[in-house]
Amino acid sequence: MRVEVVLALPRTHRAVMLELAEGATVADAALASGLPLEGIDGYAVHGVRAAAERALRDGDRVELLRPLLLDPKEARRRRATGR
């Protein structure tokens, strides 16, 4: 099966297409991607939070999630006030 693994960085992103065996998990895809996993806070599949042991299906997109540096509401407040 084919899956894509994506890592979003502050000003860019990296994506890797993989061929994995049936029954592969999110963790299997993350490890096989070769992308840096240090600092990863969790995983999502098509934008929905997922456990590392979740089985993947053909065509899934695995997203490697990093911790938030700032609460999104606070970021909007700061932009609105010009701080």
N, C-alpha and C. Protein backbone atom coordinates (compact mmCIF):
# COMPACT_ATOMS: atom_id res chain seq x y z
N MET A 1 0.83 -1.18 0.00
CA MET A 1 0.00 0.00 0.00
C MET A 1 0.88 1.24 0.00
N ARG A 2 0.36 2.31 -0.58
CA ARG A 2 1.10 3.58 -0.64
C ARG A 2 0.55 4.55 0.40
N VAL A 3 1.45 5.16 1.18
CA VAL A 3 1.06 6.20 2.14
C VAL A 3 2.05 7.35 2.03
N GLU A 4 1.61 8.52 2.46
CA GLU A 4 2.47 9.70 2.47
C GLU A 4 2.69 10.09 3.92
N VAL A 5 3.91 10.46 4.26
CA VAL A 5 4.24 10.95 5.60
C VAL A 5 4.71 12.39 5.44
N VAL A 6 4.11 13.29 6.24
CA VAL A 6 4.37 14.72 6.11
C VAL A 6 4.83 15.30 7.44
N LEU A 7 5.84 16.16 7.37
CA LEU A 7 6.32 16.90 8.53
C LEU A 7 6.29 18.37 8.17
N ALA A 8 5.47 19.16 8.88
CA ALA A 8 5.40 20.61 8.65
C ALA A 8 6.41 21.30 9.55
N LEU A 9 7.20 22.17 8.94
CA LEU A 9 8.20 22.95 9.65
C LEU A 9 7.79 24.42 9.57
N PRO A 10 8.42 25.32 10.33
CA PRO A 10 7.97 26.71 10.36
C PRO A 10 7.82 27.38 8.98
N ARG A 11 8.72 27.18 8.07
CA ARG A 11 8.62 27.86 6.79
C ARG A 11 8.60 26.92 5.58
N THR A 12 8.52 25.64 5.84
CA THR A 12 8.52 24.66 4.76
C THR A 12 7.89 23.37 5.26
N HIS A 13 7.85 22.38 4.43
CA HIS A 13 7.39 21.06 4.85
C HIS A 13 8.19 20.01 4.08
N ARG A 14 8.16 18.80 4.61
CA ARG A 14 8.80 17.67 3.95
C ARG A 14 7.78 16.56 3.84
N ALA A 15 7.74 15.92 2.69
CA ALA A 15 6.80 14.83 2.47
C ALA A 15 7.53 13.67 1.82
N VAL A 16 7.17 12.46 2.22
CA VAL A 16 7.78 11.25 1.70
C VAL A 16 6.67 10.27 1.34
N MET A 17 6.72 9.73 0.12
CA MET A 17 5.78 8.68 -0.29
C MET A 17 6.44 7.33 0.00
N LEU A 18 5.68 6.42 0.59
CA LEU A 18 6.21 5.11 0.97
C LEU A 18 5.33 3.99 0.44
N GLU A 19 5.96 2.86 0.17
CA GLU A 19 5.26 1.60 -0.10
C GLU A 19 5.45 0.75 1.14
N LEU A 20 4.34 0.43 1.80
CA LEU A 20 4.40 -0.37 3.03
C LEU A 20 3.55 -1.63 2.87
N ALA A 21 3.86 -2.62 3.69
CA ALA A 21 3.09 -3.87 3.68
C ALA A 21 1.72 -3.64 4.30
N GLU A 22 0.75 -4.42 3.88
CA GLU A 22 -0.57 -4.36 4.49
C GLU A 22 -0.43 -4.60 5.99
N GLY A 23 -1.22 -3.89 6.78
CA GLY A 23 -1.16 -4.03 8.23
C GLY A 23 -0.15 -3.10 8.89
N ALA A 24 0.55 -2.29 8.10
CA ALA A 24 1.51 -1.34 8.67
C ALA A 24 0.78 -0.31 9.52
N THR A 25 1.45 0.18 10.54
CA THR A 25 0.86 1.15 11.46
C THR A 25 1.43 2.55 11.22
N VAL A 26 0.84 3.51 11.91
CA VAL A 26 1.32 4.89 11.86
C VAL A 26 2.79 4.94 12.29
N ALA A 27 3.13 4.23 13.36
CA ALA A 27 4.52 4.21 13.84
C ALA A 27 5.46 3.61 12.80
N ASP A 28 5.01 2.55 12.12
CA ASP A 28 5.83 1.94 11.06
C ASP A 28 6.13 2.95 9.97
N ALA A 29 5.11 3.70 9.56
CA ALA A 29 5.27 4.70 8.50
C ALA A 29 6.21 5.81 8.94
N ALA A 30 6.06 6.27 10.18
CA ALA A 30 6.92 7.34 10.69
C ALA A 30 8.39 6.91 10.69
N LEU A 31 8.65 5.70 11.15
CA LEU A 31 10.02 5.20 11.18
C LEU A 31 10.59 4.99 9.78
N ALA A 32 9.77 4.47 8.88
CA ALA A 32 10.23 4.19 7.52
C ALA A 32 10.45 5.46 6.71
N SER A 33 9.85 6.57 7.13
CA SER A 33 9.93 7.81 6.36
C SER A 33 11.34 8.40 6.33
N GLY A 34 12.12 8.15 7.37
CA GLY A 34 13.44 8.74 7.45
C GLY A 34 13.41 10.20 7.88
N LEU A 35 12.23 10.73 8.16
CA LEU A 35 12.11 12.12 8.63
C LEU A 35 12.53 12.19 10.09
N PRO A 36 13.03 13.35 10.55
CA PRO A 36 13.44 13.47 11.95
C PRO A 36 12.23 13.34 12.88
N LEU A 37 12.34 12.47 13.87
CA LEU A 37 11.22 12.22 14.78
C LEU A 37 11.42 12.86 16.15
N GLU A 38 12.59 13.45 16.40
CA GLU A 38 12.78 14.08 17.70
C GLU A 38 11.88 15.31 17.79
N GLY A 39 11.24 15.46 18.93
CA GLY A 39 10.33 16.58 19.15
C GLY A 39 8.92 16.34 18.64
N ILE A 40 8.65 15.18 18.08
CA ILE A 40 7.31 14.88 17.57
C ILE A 40 6.38 14.65 18.76
N ASP A 41 5.23 15.32 18.75
CA ASP A 41 4.29 15.29 19.86
C ASP A 41 3.15 14.30 19.64
N GLY A 42 3.00 13.81 18.42
CA GLY A 42 1.93 12.87 18.12
C GLY A 42 1.78 12.70 16.62
N TYR A 43 0.69 12.06 16.24
CA TYR A 43 0.44 11.75 14.83
C TYR A 43 -1.00 12.07 14.48
N ALA A 44 -1.23 12.31 13.19
CA ALA A 44 -2.58 12.46 12.67
C ALA A 44 -2.64 11.73 11.33
N VAL A 45 -3.81 11.25 10.98
CA VAL A 45 -4.04 10.65 9.68
C VAL A 45 -5.14 11.49 9.02
N HIS A 46 -4.81 12.12 7.91
CA HIS A 46 -5.74 13.03 7.22
C HIS A 46 -6.28 14.09 8.18
N GLY A 47 -5.43 14.63 9.05
CA GLY A 47 -5.82 15.71 9.94
C GLY A 47 -6.53 15.30 11.21
N VAL A 48 -6.73 14.02 11.44
CA VAL A 48 -7.40 13.53 12.64
C VAL A 48 -6.37 12.82 13.51
N ARG A 49 -6.26 13.26 14.77
CA ARG A 49 -5.29 12.69 15.69
C ARG A 49 -5.39 11.16 15.67
N ALA A 50 -4.24 10.48 15.68
CA ALA A 50 -4.23 9.02 15.60
C ALA A 50 -3.16 8.45 16.52
N ALA A 51 -3.42 7.27 17.03
CA ALA A 51 -2.46 6.57 17.87
C ALA A 51 -1.39 5.93 16.99
N ALA A 52 -0.21 5.73 17.56
CA ALA A 52 0.90 5.14 16.83
C ALA A 52 0.58 3.74 16.33
N GLU A 53 -0.30 3.03 17.04
CA GLU A 53 -0.60 1.66 16.63
C GLU A 53 -1.76 1.54 15.65
N ARG A 54 -2.31 2.66 15.21
CA ARG A 54 -3.42 2.64 14.24
C ARG A 54 -2.96 2.03 12.92
N ALA A 55 -3.73 1.09 12.40
CA ALA A 55 -3.42 0.48 11.11
C ALA A 55 -3.74 1.46 9.98
N LEU A 56 -2.89 1.46 8.98
CA LEU A 56 -3.06 2.36 7.84
C LEU A 56 -3.76 1.68 6.69
N ARG A 57 -4.34 2.50 5.80
CA ARG A 57 -4.96 2.00 4.57
C ARG A 57 -4.26 2.67 3.39
N ASP A 58 -4.40 2.07 2.25
CA ASP A 58 -3.81 2.61 1.03
C ASP A 58 -4.29 4.05 0.82
N GLY A 59 -3.36 4.96 0.55
CA GLY A 59 -3.70 6.34 0.28
C GLY A 59 -3.73 7.24 1.50
N ASP A 60 -3.48 6.70 2.70
CA ASP A 60 -3.49 7.53 3.90
C ASP A 60 -2.33 8.53 3.88
N ARG A 61 -2.56 9.68 4.54
CA ARG A 61 -1.51 10.68 4.74
C ARG A 61 -1.27 10.78 6.24
N VAL A 62 -0.06 10.44 6.67
CA VAL A 62 0.33 10.50 8.08
C VAL A 62 1.03 11.83 8.32
N GLU A 63 0.55 12.57 9.30
CA GLU A 63 1.17 13.85 9.64
C GLU A 63 1.90 13.72 10.97
N LEU A 64 3.14 14.14 10.99
CA LEU A 64 3.95 14.14 12.21
C LEU A 64 3.70 15.48 12.90
N LEU A 65 3.16 15.44 14.10
CA LEU A 65 2.75 16.66 14.80
C LEU A 65 3.82 17.12 15.77
N ARG A 66 4.04 18.43 15.75
CA ARG A 66 4.97 19.05 16.69
C ARG A 66 4.15 19.79 17.75
N PRO A 67 4.70 20.00 18.95
CA PRO A 67 3.94 20.72 19.98
C PRO A 67 3.71 22.18 19.57
N LEU A 68 2.58 22.73 20.00
CA LEU A 68 2.30 24.14 19.74
C LEU A 68 3.23 25.00 20.57
N LEU A 69 3.76 26.05 19.97
CA LEU A 69 4.62 26.98 20.70
C LEU A 69 3.79 28.08 21.35
N LEU A 70 2.60 28.33 20.79
CA LEU A 70 1.73 29.40 21.29
C LEU A 70 0.29 28.99 21.03
N ASP A 71 -0.57 29.22 21.99
CA ASP A 71 -1.99 28.93 21.83
C ASP A 71 -2.54 29.72 20.63
N PRO A 72 -3.25 29.07 19.71
CA PRO A 72 -3.77 29.76 18.52
C PRO A 72 -4.62 30.99 18.84
N LYS A 73 -5.40 30.94 19.92
CA LYS A 73 -6.21 32.11 20.30
C LYS A 73 -5.32 33.27 20.70
N GLU A 74 -4.26 32.99 21.44
CA GLU A 74 -3.33 34.04 21.85
C GLU A 74 -2.61 34.61 20.63
N ALA A 75 -2.24 33.78 19.68
CA ALA A 75 -1.57 34.25 18.47
C ALA A 75 -2.48 35.22 17.70
N ARG A 76 -3.78 34.88 17.59
CA ARG A 76 -4.72 35.78 16.91
C ARG A 76 -4.85 37.10 17.66
N ARG A 77 -4.93 37.03 18.99
CA ARG A 77 -5.01 38.27 19.80
C ARG A 77 -3.81 39.16 19.55
N ARG A 78 -2.63 38.56 19.54
CA ARG A 78 -1.41 39.34 19.32
C ARG A 78 -1.38 39.99 17.94
N ARG A 79 -1.82 39.24 16.91
CA ARG A 79 -1.86 39.82 15.56
C ARG A 79 -2.86 40.96 15.49
N ALA A 80 -4.01 40.79 16.15
CA ALA A 80 -5.05 41.82 16.11
C ALA A 80 -4.63 43.10 16.82
N THR A 81 -3.84 42.99 17.89
CA THR A 81 -3.40 44.17 18.61
C THR A 81 -2.06 44.70 18.11
N GLY A 82 -1.46 44.00 17.17
CA GLY A 82 -0.19 44.46 16.60
C GLY A 82 1.01 44.21 17.49
N ARG A 83 0.90 43.32 18.47
CA ARG A 83 2.05 43.02 19.34
C ARG A 83 2.93 41.97 18.74
